[in-house]
């Protein structure tokens, strides 16, 4: 299970950074246009994913009081990327350091609505990945509404890119 969870965390990092790259060419007006989807705009949806990732990261680090409003996404895609990439990198390093016992450990936390929960860390990690995937899909739908071609961030594209980066021993 450990290897699969690490790979999913790596995937979500890749897909998020790929989505940010795709969003970097959209002008500010379109980024913030209310498209009546998800969190209204591409920008607000990105900010929501970022803030959620930060909250979960902080919970995993022992800060059960972390709230989305603590994490300012900045005012541009560049600022958001500067703030978000280190969080994603930290998630990957953390995931790579977990063993089976670490993934099975349970985390106590309180939701933004004040509800206390306890869950295994592996469930939280999968939630972080799934949550971001859901909202990235909504962003790609917004691309179509803006008459733009969405970028491919399906898991299979991650695997294809990853495998194409490996040297082919037959060609060595």
N, C-alpha and C. Protein backbone atom coordinates (compact mmCIF):
# COMPACT_ATOMS: atom_id res chain seq x y z
N UNK A 1 0.84 -1.19 0.00
CA UNK A 1 0.00 0.00 0.00
C UNK A 1 0.88 1.25 0.00
N UNK A 2 1.98 1.22 0.69
CA UNK A 2 2.86 2.37 0.83
C UNK A 2 3.25 2.96 -0.53
N UNK A 3 3.70 2.12 -1.44
CA UNK A 3 4.17 2.60 -2.75
C UNK A 3 3.05 3.26 -3.54
N UNK A 4 1.85 2.71 -3.46
CA UNK A 4 0.71 3.27 -4.20
C UNK A 4 0.34 4.64 -3.64
N UNK A 5 0.33 4.77 -2.33
CA UNK A 5 0.00 6.05 -1.72
C UNK A 5 1.03 7.12 -2.08
N UNK A 6 2.30 6.76 -2.06
CA UNK A 6 3.34 7.70 -2.45
C UNK A 6 3.14 8.12 -3.90
N UNK A 7 2.85 7.17 -4.75
CA UNK A 7 2.66 7.49 -6.17
C UNK A 7 1.46 8.42 -6.38
N UNK A 8 0.40 8.23 -5.63
CA UNK A 8 -0.75 9.13 -5.73
C UNK A 8 -0.39 10.55 -5.28
N UNK A 9 0.40 10.66 -4.23
CA UNK A 9 0.82 11.98 -3.76
C UNK A 9 1.72 12.63 -4.83
N UNK A 10 2.60 11.86 -5.44
CA UNK A 10 3.43 12.40 -6.53
C UNK A 10 2.55 12.84 -7.70
N UNK A 11 1.56 12.02 -8.01
CA UNK A 11 0.64 12.37 -9.09
C UNK A 11 -0.08 13.68 -8.82
N UNK A 12 -0.60 13.87 -7.62
CA UNK A 12 -1.36 15.08 -7.35
C UNK A 12 -0.45 16.31 -7.45
N UNK A 13 0.80 16.17 -7.05
CA UNK A 13 1.77 17.26 -7.23
C UNK A 13 1.91 17.58 -8.71
N UNK A 14 2.18 16.57 -9.51
CA UNK A 14 2.35 16.75 -10.96
C UNK A 14 1.10 17.38 -11.58
N UNK A 15 -0.07 16.85 -11.28
CA UNK A 15 -1.31 17.33 -11.89
C UNK A 15 -1.61 18.77 -11.47
N UNK A 16 -1.33 19.10 -10.23
CA UNK A 16 -1.57 20.46 -9.77
C UNK A 16 -0.63 21.44 -10.46
N UNK A 17 0.65 21.11 -10.53
CA UNK A 17 1.60 22.00 -11.19
C UNK A 17 1.31 22.12 -12.69
N UNK A 18 0.89 21.04 -13.30
CA UNK A 18 0.51 21.06 -14.72
C UNK A 18 -0.70 21.97 -14.92
N UNK A 19 -1.66 21.88 -14.02
CA UNK A 19 -2.85 22.74 -14.10
C UNK A 19 -2.46 24.20 -13.92
N UNK A 20 -1.60 24.49 -12.96
CA UNK A 20 -1.13 25.87 -12.77
C UNK A 20 -0.43 26.39 -14.02
N UNK A 21 0.39 25.54 -14.66
CA UNK A 21 1.05 25.96 -15.91
C UNK A 21 0.01 26.32 -16.96
N UNK A 22 -1.02 25.50 -17.08
CA UNK A 22 -2.07 25.75 -18.07
C UNK A 22 -2.82 27.05 -17.75
N UNK A 23 -3.01 27.32 -16.48
CA UNK A 23 -3.74 28.53 -16.06
C UNK A 23 -2.90 29.79 -16.21
N UNK A 24 -1.60 29.64 -16.31
CA UNK A 24 -0.72 30.81 -16.35
C UNK A 24 -0.89 31.63 -17.61
N UNK A 25 -1.51 31.07 -18.64
CA UNK A 25 -1.71 31.82 -19.89
C UNK A 25 -3.10 32.44 -19.99
N UNK A 26 -3.92 32.24 -18.98
CA UNK A 26 -5.26 32.81 -18.96
C UNK A 26 -5.19 34.20 -18.34
N UNK A 27 -5.80 35.17 -19.00
CA UNK A 27 -5.75 36.53 -18.44
C UNK A 27 -6.56 36.60 -17.16
N UNK A 28 -6.26 37.62 -16.36
CA UNK A 28 -6.84 37.75 -15.03
C UNK A 28 -8.37 37.83 -15.07
N UNK A 29 -8.90 38.51 -16.06
CA UNK A 29 -10.37 38.64 -16.17
C UNK A 29 -11.02 37.26 -16.33
N UNK A 30 -10.46 36.43 -17.21
CA UNK A 30 -11.01 35.08 -17.39
C UNK A 30 -10.75 34.19 -16.18
N UNK A 31 -9.60 34.36 -15.54
CA UNK A 31 -9.31 33.57 -14.34
C UNK A 31 -10.35 33.80 -13.25
N UNK A 32 -10.84 35.01 -13.17
CA UNK A 32 -11.75 35.39 -12.09
C UNK A 32 -13.22 35.47 -12.53
N UNK A 33 -13.49 35.15 -13.77
CA UNK A 33 -14.86 35.20 -14.29
C UNK A 33 -15.73 34.16 -13.59
N UNK A 34 -16.92 34.57 -13.17
CA UNK A 34 -17.87 33.66 -12.53
C UNK A 34 -18.49 32.77 -13.59
N UNK A 35 -18.11 31.51 -13.56
CA UNK A 35 -18.60 30.54 -14.54
C UNK A 35 -19.68 29.63 -13.96
N UNK A 36 -20.15 29.98 -12.77
CA UNK A 36 -21.24 29.26 -12.11
C UNK A 36 -20.93 27.77 -11.95
N UNK A 37 -19.68 27.51 -11.63
CA UNK A 37 -19.20 26.14 -11.45
C UNK A 37 -18.33 26.09 -10.20
N UNK A 38 -18.42 25.04 -9.46
CA UNK A 38 -17.56 24.80 -8.31
C UNK A 38 -17.49 26.04 -7.43
N UNK A 39 -16.33 26.65 -7.37
CA UNK A 39 -16.15 27.85 -6.55
C UNK A 39 -16.23 29.10 -7.43
N UNK A 40 -17.08 29.09 -8.41
CA UNK A 40 -17.40 30.18 -9.33
C UNK A 40 -16.37 30.39 -10.43
N UNK A 41 -15.10 30.52 -10.08
CA UNK A 41 -14.09 30.86 -11.09
C UNK A 41 -12.91 29.90 -11.01
N UNK A 42 -12.10 29.95 -12.07
CA UNK A 42 -10.87 29.17 -12.06
C UNK A 42 -10.03 29.57 -10.86
N UNK A 43 -9.87 30.89 -10.68
CA UNK A 43 -9.03 31.39 -9.58
C UNK A 43 -9.53 30.91 -8.22
N UNK A 44 -10.82 31.08 -7.96
CA UNK A 44 -11.37 30.71 -6.66
C UNK A 44 -11.28 29.21 -6.43
N UNK A 45 -11.41 28.43 -7.48
CA UNK A 45 -11.30 26.97 -7.34
C UNK A 45 -9.85 26.58 -7.04
N UNK A 46 -8.91 27.20 -7.73
CA UNK A 46 -7.50 26.95 -7.42
C UNK A 46 -7.19 27.33 -5.97
N UNK A 47 -7.68 28.50 -5.55
CA UNK A 47 -7.44 28.94 -4.18
C UNK A 47 -8.02 27.95 -3.18
N UNK A 48 -9.20 27.42 -3.48
CA UNK A 48 -9.82 26.44 -2.60
C UNK A 48 -8.96 25.18 -2.48
N UNK A 49 -8.47 24.67 -3.59
CA UNK A 49 -7.63 23.47 -3.53
C UNK A 49 -6.36 23.76 -2.73
N UNK A 50 -5.74 24.90 -3.02
CA UNK A 50 -4.52 25.28 -2.30
C UNK A 50 -4.77 25.37 -0.80
N UNK A 51 -5.80 26.08 -0.42
CA UNK A 51 -6.08 26.24 1.01
C UNK A 51 -6.40 24.90 1.67
N UNK A 52 -7.12 24.05 0.98
CA UNK A 52 -7.43 22.72 1.52
C UNK A 52 -6.16 21.89 1.69
N UNK A 53 -5.29 21.93 0.68
CA UNK A 53 -4.02 21.22 0.80
C UNK A 53 -3.23 21.72 2.00
N UNK A 54 -3.21 23.02 2.19
CA UNK A 54 -2.48 23.61 3.33
C UNK A 54 -3.09 23.18 4.67
N UNK A 55 -4.41 23.17 4.74
CA UNK A 55 -5.07 22.75 5.98
C UNK A 55 -4.71 21.30 6.29
N UNK A 56 -4.83 20.42 5.30
CA UNK A 56 -4.52 19.01 5.54
C UNK A 56 -3.05 18.82 5.87
N UNK A 57 -2.17 19.55 5.18
CA UNK A 57 -0.74 19.44 5.48
C UNK A 57 -0.48 19.83 6.93
N UNK A 58 -1.07 20.93 7.36
CA UNK A 58 -0.88 21.38 8.74
C UNK A 58 -1.48 20.41 9.74
N UNK A 59 -2.62 19.83 9.42
CA UNK A 59 -3.18 18.82 10.32
C UNK A 59 -2.24 17.64 10.46
N UNK A 60 -1.67 17.20 9.34
CA UNK A 60 -0.74 16.07 9.38
C UNK A 60 0.52 16.41 10.17
N UNK A 61 0.84 17.69 10.25
CA UNK A 61 2.01 18.14 11.01
C UNK A 61 1.68 18.46 12.46
N UNK A 62 0.43 18.19 12.87
CA UNK A 62 0.05 18.37 14.26
C UNK A 62 -0.72 19.64 14.59
N UNK A 63 -1.00 20.47 13.58
CA UNK A 63 -1.75 21.70 13.81
C UNK A 63 -3.22 21.46 13.50
N UNK A 64 -3.94 20.96 14.47
CA UNK A 64 -5.36 20.68 14.29
C UNK A 64 -6.23 21.90 14.20
N UNK A 65 -5.66 23.08 14.47
CA UNK A 65 -6.45 24.31 14.44
C UNK A 65 -6.32 25.05 13.11
N UNK A 66 -5.60 24.50 12.15
CA UNK A 66 -5.40 25.18 10.87
C UNK A 66 -6.75 25.42 10.17
N UNK A 67 -6.90 26.60 9.60
CA UNK A 67 -8.12 26.99 8.88
C UNK A 67 -7.74 27.54 7.52
N UNK A 68 -8.58 27.33 6.54
CA UNK A 68 -8.31 27.75 5.17
C UNK A 68 -7.95 29.23 5.07
N UNK A 69 -8.62 30.05 5.84
CA UNK A 69 -8.40 31.49 5.76
C UNK A 69 -6.98 31.91 6.15
N UNK A 70 -6.24 31.03 6.80
CA UNK A 70 -4.84 31.33 7.17
C UNK A 70 -3.92 31.35 5.97
N UNK A 71 -4.35 30.75 4.88
CA UNK A 71 -3.45 30.49 3.75
C UNK A 71 -3.85 31.34 2.56
N UNK A 72 -3.16 32.46 2.42
CA UNK A 72 -3.43 33.41 1.36
C UNK A 72 -2.83 32.89 0.04
N UNK A 73 -3.65 32.73 -1.00
CA UNK A 73 -3.13 32.22 -2.26
C UNK A 73 -2.34 33.26 -3.06
N UNK A 74 -2.33 34.50 -2.59
CA UNK A 74 -1.68 35.56 -3.36
C UNK A 74 -2.67 36.16 -4.33
N UNK A 75 -2.14 36.88 -5.31
CA UNK A 75 -3.03 37.55 -6.24
C UNK A 75 -2.79 37.17 -7.69
N UNK A 76 -1.86 36.26 -7.93
CA UNK A 76 -1.56 35.83 -9.30
C UNK A 76 -1.22 34.34 -9.31
N UNK A 77 -1.26 33.77 -10.49
CA UNK A 77 -0.88 32.36 -10.64
C UNK A 77 0.58 32.18 -10.20
N UNK A 78 1.43 33.13 -10.52
CA UNK A 78 2.84 33.02 -10.14
C UNK A 78 2.99 32.99 -8.62
N UNK A 79 2.29 33.90 -7.93
CA UNK A 79 2.36 33.90 -6.46
C UNK A 79 1.78 32.61 -5.89
N UNK A 80 0.67 32.16 -6.45
CA UNK A 80 0.06 30.92 -5.97
C UNK A 80 1.02 29.76 -6.15
N UNK A 81 1.66 29.68 -7.30
CA UNK A 81 2.61 28.59 -7.54
C UNK A 81 3.77 28.66 -6.54
N UNK A 82 4.29 29.87 -6.27
CA UNK A 82 5.40 30.02 -5.32
C UNK A 82 5.00 29.53 -3.93
N UNK A 83 3.75 29.70 -3.56
CA UNK A 83 3.28 29.29 -2.24
C UNK A 83 2.91 27.80 -2.20
N UNK A 84 2.35 27.32 -3.29
CA UNK A 84 1.81 25.97 -3.33
C UNK A 84 2.86 24.91 -3.58
N UNK A 85 3.81 25.17 -4.48
CA UNK A 85 4.81 24.16 -4.83
C UNK A 85 5.55 23.62 -3.61
N UNK A 86 5.97 24.47 -2.66
CA UNK A 86 6.65 23.92 -1.47
C UNK A 86 5.74 23.02 -0.63
N UNK A 87 4.45 23.33 -0.59
CA UNK A 87 3.51 22.48 0.15
C UNK A 87 3.43 21.11 -0.53
N UNK A 88 3.31 21.12 -1.86
CA UNK A 88 3.23 19.87 -2.61
C UNK A 88 4.53 19.06 -2.47
N UNK A 89 5.66 19.76 -2.53
CA UNK A 89 6.95 19.08 -2.35
C UNK A 89 7.05 18.46 -0.96
N UNK A 90 6.57 19.18 0.04
CA UNK A 90 6.59 18.67 1.42
C UNK A 90 5.72 17.42 1.54
N UNK A 91 4.55 17.44 0.90
CA UNK A 91 3.68 16.26 0.91
C UNK A 91 4.42 15.06 0.33
N UNK A 92 5.12 15.26 -0.78
CA UNK A 92 5.83 14.15 -1.42
C UNK A 92 6.92 13.62 -0.50
N UNK A 93 7.75 14.50 0.03
CA UNK A 93 8.83 14.05 0.93
C UNK A 93 8.25 13.32 2.14
N UNK A 94 7.18 13.87 2.70
CA UNK A 94 6.53 13.24 3.84
C UNK A 94 6.03 11.84 3.47
N UNK A 95 5.33 11.74 2.33
CA UNK A 95 4.79 10.45 1.90
C UNK A 95 5.90 9.43 1.69
N UNK A 96 7.00 9.88 1.09
CA UNK A 96 8.13 8.97 0.84
C UNK A 96 8.75 8.48 2.14
N UNK A 97 8.57 9.22 3.22
CA UNK A 97 9.16 8.83 4.51
C UNK A 97 8.25 7.91 5.33
N UNK A 98 7.01 7.74 4.90
CA UNK A 98 6.06 6.92 5.68
C UNK A 98 6.31 5.43 5.45
N UNK A 99 6.15 4.67 6.50
CA UNK A 99 6.14 3.21 6.37
C UNK A 99 4.69 2.76 6.60
N UNK A 100 4.44 1.46 6.54
CA UNK A 100 3.07 0.96 6.70
C UNK A 100 2.47 1.39 8.03
N UNK A 101 3.27 1.38 9.08
CA UNK A 101 2.76 1.79 10.39
C UNK A 101 2.38 3.28 10.39
N UNK A 102 3.18 4.09 9.72
CA UNK A 102 2.87 5.51 9.63
C UNK A 102 1.58 5.79 8.88
N UNK A 103 1.37 5.05 7.80
CA UNK A 103 0.13 5.23 7.03
C UNK A 103 -1.08 4.78 7.85
N UNK A 104 -0.90 3.76 8.67
CA UNK A 104 -2.02 3.23 9.46
C UNK A 104 -2.32 4.06 10.70
N UNK A 105 -1.37 4.90 11.11
CA UNK A 105 -1.56 5.74 12.29
C UNK A 105 -2.82 6.59 12.12
N UNK A 106 -3.50 6.83 13.21
CA UNK A 106 -4.73 7.63 13.14
C UNK A 106 -4.45 9.06 13.56
N UNK A 107 -5.14 9.97 12.91
CA UNK A 107 -4.97 11.40 13.17
C UNK A 107 -6.27 11.95 13.73
N UNK A 108 -6.15 12.68 14.82
CA UNK A 108 -7.28 13.39 15.39
C UNK A 108 -7.26 14.81 14.84
N UNK A 109 -8.42 15.29 14.41
CA UNK A 109 -8.51 16.65 13.90
C UNK A 109 -9.93 17.16 14.09
N UNK A 110 -10.07 18.45 13.93
CA UNK A 110 -11.38 19.10 14.04
C UNK A 110 -11.64 19.80 12.72
N UNK A 111 -12.82 19.58 12.14
CA UNK A 111 -13.16 20.21 10.86
C UNK A 111 -13.41 21.71 11.04
N UNK A 112 -13.54 22.40 9.93
CA UNK A 112 -13.83 23.84 9.99
C UNK A 112 -15.19 24.12 10.61
N UNK A 113 -16.03 23.10 10.68
CA UNK A 113 -17.34 23.24 11.33
C UNK A 113 -17.31 22.80 12.79
N UNK A 114 -16.13 22.49 13.29
CA UNK A 114 -15.99 22.16 14.70
C UNK A 114 -16.23 20.70 15.05
N UNK A 115 -16.36 19.81 14.07
CA UNK A 115 -16.58 18.40 14.34
C UNK A 115 -15.24 17.69 14.52
N UNK A 116 -15.15 16.89 15.56
CA UNK A 116 -13.93 16.12 15.81
C UNK A 116 -14.01 14.79 15.08
N UNK A 117 -12.90 14.42 14.46
CA UNK A 117 -12.80 13.14 13.77
C UNK A 117 -11.46 12.51 14.05
N UNK A 118 -11.40 11.20 13.82
CA UNK A 118 -10.16 10.44 13.90
C UNK A 118 -10.16 9.50 12.70
N UNK A 119 -9.11 9.57 11.91
CA UNK A 119 -9.02 8.73 10.72
C UNK A 119 -7.59 8.27 10.49
N UNK A 120 -7.44 7.11 9.83
CA UNK A 120 -6.10 6.67 9.45
C UNK A 120 -5.50 7.65 8.44
N UNK A 121 -4.22 7.85 8.54
CA UNK A 121 -3.53 8.80 7.66
C UNK A 121 -3.67 8.41 6.20
N UNK A 122 -3.69 7.12 5.90
CA UNK A 122 -3.81 6.74 4.50
C UNK A 122 -5.15 7.21 3.91
N UNK A 123 -6.21 7.23 4.71
CA UNK A 123 -7.49 7.73 4.21
C UNK A 123 -7.42 9.23 3.93
N UNK A 124 -6.73 9.94 4.80
CA UNK A 124 -6.58 11.38 4.61
C UNK A 124 -5.76 11.66 3.35
N UNK A 125 -4.69 10.91 3.16
CA UNK A 125 -3.86 11.11 1.96
C UNK A 125 -4.68 10.87 0.69
N UNK A 126 -5.48 9.82 0.67
CA UNK A 126 -6.31 9.58 -0.51
C UNK A 126 -7.36 10.67 -0.68
N UNK A 127 -7.88 11.18 0.42
CA UNK A 127 -8.83 12.28 0.32
C UNK A 127 -8.18 13.52 -0.31
N UNK A 128 -6.97 13.85 0.13
CA UNK A 128 -6.27 15.02 -0.42
C UNK A 128 -6.12 14.88 -1.93
N UNK A 129 -5.72 13.70 -2.38
CA UNK A 129 -5.56 13.46 -3.81
C UNK A 129 -6.91 13.55 -4.53
N UNK A 130 -7.91 12.87 -3.99
CA UNK A 130 -9.22 12.84 -4.64
C UNK A 130 -9.86 14.23 -4.68
N UNK A 131 -9.74 14.97 -3.59
CA UNK A 131 -10.31 16.32 -3.52
C UNK A 131 -9.71 17.20 -4.61
N UNK A 132 -8.39 17.19 -4.72
CA UNK A 132 -7.74 18.00 -5.75
C UNK A 132 -8.14 17.54 -7.15
N UNK A 133 -8.25 16.23 -7.35
CA UNK A 133 -8.63 15.70 -8.66
C UNK A 133 -10.02 16.17 -9.05
N UNK A 134 -10.95 16.12 -8.13
CA UNK A 134 -12.31 16.59 -8.39
C UNK A 134 -12.29 18.04 -8.87
N UNK A 135 -11.62 18.89 -8.12
CA UNK A 135 -11.65 20.32 -8.46
C UNK A 135 -10.80 20.65 -9.68
N UNK A 136 -9.71 19.93 -9.92
CA UNK A 136 -8.96 20.14 -11.17
C UNK A 136 -9.84 19.79 -12.36
N UNK A 137 -10.65 18.76 -12.23
CA UNK A 137 -11.58 18.40 -13.31
C UNK A 137 -12.57 19.53 -13.56
N UNK A 138 -13.03 20.16 -12.51
CA UNK A 138 -13.94 21.29 -12.68
C UNK A 138 -13.23 22.45 -13.38
N UNK A 139 -11.99 22.68 -13.03
CA UNK A 139 -11.22 23.74 -13.69
C UNK A 139 -11.09 23.45 -15.17
N UNK A 140 -10.81 22.21 -15.52
CA UNK A 140 -10.67 21.88 -16.94
C UNK A 140 -11.98 22.05 -17.68
N UNK A 141 -13.09 21.81 -17.01
CA UNK A 141 -14.40 22.10 -17.61
C UNK A 141 -14.56 23.61 -17.82
N UNK A 142 -14.07 24.40 -16.86
CA UNK A 142 -14.12 25.85 -17.01
C UNK A 142 -13.29 26.31 -18.20
N UNK A 143 -12.19 25.61 -18.48
CA UNK A 143 -11.40 25.94 -19.67
C UNK A 143 -12.28 25.90 -20.91
N UNK A 144 -13.09 24.86 -21.01
CA UNK A 144 -13.98 24.74 -22.17
C UNK A 144 -14.97 25.90 -22.23
N UNK A 145 -15.48 26.30 -21.08
CA UNK A 145 -16.40 27.44 -21.03
C UNK A 145 -15.71 28.72 -21.48
N UNK A 146 -14.42 28.79 -21.30
CA UNK A 146 -13.64 29.96 -21.71
C UNK A 146 -13.09 29.79 -23.13
N UNK A 147 -13.57 28.77 -23.84
CA UNK A 147 -13.10 28.46 -25.21
C UNK A 147 -11.60 28.20 -25.27
N UNK A 148 -11.11 27.49 -24.27
CA UNK A 148 -9.70 27.11 -24.22
C UNK A 148 -9.62 25.59 -24.22
N UNK A 149 -8.51 25.09 -24.70
CA UNK A 149 -8.28 23.65 -24.70
C UNK A 149 -7.71 23.27 -23.34
N UNK A 150 -8.39 22.37 -22.62
CA UNK A 150 -7.88 21.97 -21.31
C UNK A 150 -6.64 21.10 -21.46
N UNK A 151 -5.81 21.14 -20.44
CA UNK A 151 -4.62 20.30 -20.42
C UNK A 151 -5.00 18.93 -19.85
N UNK A 152 -4.28 17.91 -20.24
CA UNK A 152 -4.55 16.56 -19.75
C UNK A 152 -3.85 16.29 -18.44
N UNK A 153 -4.62 16.05 -17.39
CA UNK A 153 -4.03 15.71 -16.10
C UNK A 153 -4.59 14.40 -15.55
N UNK A 154 -5.14 13.59 -16.43
CA UNK A 154 -5.58 12.26 -16.00
C UNK A 154 -4.37 11.47 -15.51
N UNK A 155 -4.62 10.55 -14.62
CA UNK A 155 -3.56 9.74 -14.05
C UNK A 155 -2.74 9.05 -15.13
N UNK A 156 -3.38 8.59 -16.20
CA UNK A 156 -2.65 7.89 -17.26
C UNK A 156 -1.62 8.80 -17.91
N UNK A 157 -1.92 10.11 -18.00
CA UNK A 157 -0.95 11.05 -18.58
C UNK A 157 0.29 11.18 -17.68
N UNK A 158 0.06 11.16 -16.39
CA UNK A 158 1.17 11.18 -15.43
C UNK A 158 2.05 9.94 -15.64
N UNK A 159 1.42 8.77 -15.72
CA UNK A 159 2.19 7.55 -15.91
C UNK A 159 2.95 7.56 -17.23
N UNK A 160 2.30 8.06 -18.28
CA UNK A 160 2.97 8.12 -19.59
C UNK A 160 4.17 9.05 -19.55
N UNK A 161 3.99 10.22 -18.93
CA UNK A 161 5.11 11.16 -18.85
C UNK A 161 6.23 10.58 -18.02
N UNK A 162 5.86 9.94 -16.92
CA UNK A 162 6.86 9.34 -16.04
C UNK A 162 7.63 8.23 -16.77
N UNK A 163 6.93 7.39 -17.51
CA UNK A 163 7.61 6.28 -18.19
C UNK A 163 8.44 6.77 -19.36
N UNK A 164 8.03 7.88 -19.99
CA UNK A 164 8.83 8.39 -21.10
C UNK A 164 10.11 9.06 -20.62
N UNK A 165 10.18 9.42 -19.35
CA UNK A 165 11.36 10.04 -18.78
C UNK A 165 12.41 8.99 -18.40
N UNK A 166 12.00 7.73 -18.33
CA UNK A 166 12.94 6.67 -17.97
C UNK A 166 13.79 6.31 -19.20
N UNK A 167 15.07 6.11 -18.99
CA UNK A 167 15.92 5.70 -20.13
C UNK A 167 15.53 4.29 -20.60
N UNK A 168 15.53 4.11 -21.90
CA UNK A 168 15.23 2.80 -22.48
C UNK A 168 16.53 1.99 -22.51
N UNK A 169 16.59 0.88 -21.70
CA UNK A 169 17.85 0.11 -21.64
C UNK A 169 18.22 -0.47 -23.00
N UNK A 170 17.25 -0.71 -23.89
CA UNK A 170 17.54 -1.27 -25.19
C UNK A 170 18.27 -0.25 -26.08
N UNK A 171 18.11 1.03 -25.77
CA UNK A 171 18.74 2.08 -26.58
C UNK A 171 20.03 2.58 -25.97
N UNK A 172 20.43 2.00 -24.85
CA UNK A 172 21.65 2.48 -24.17
C UNK A 172 22.89 1.98 -24.84
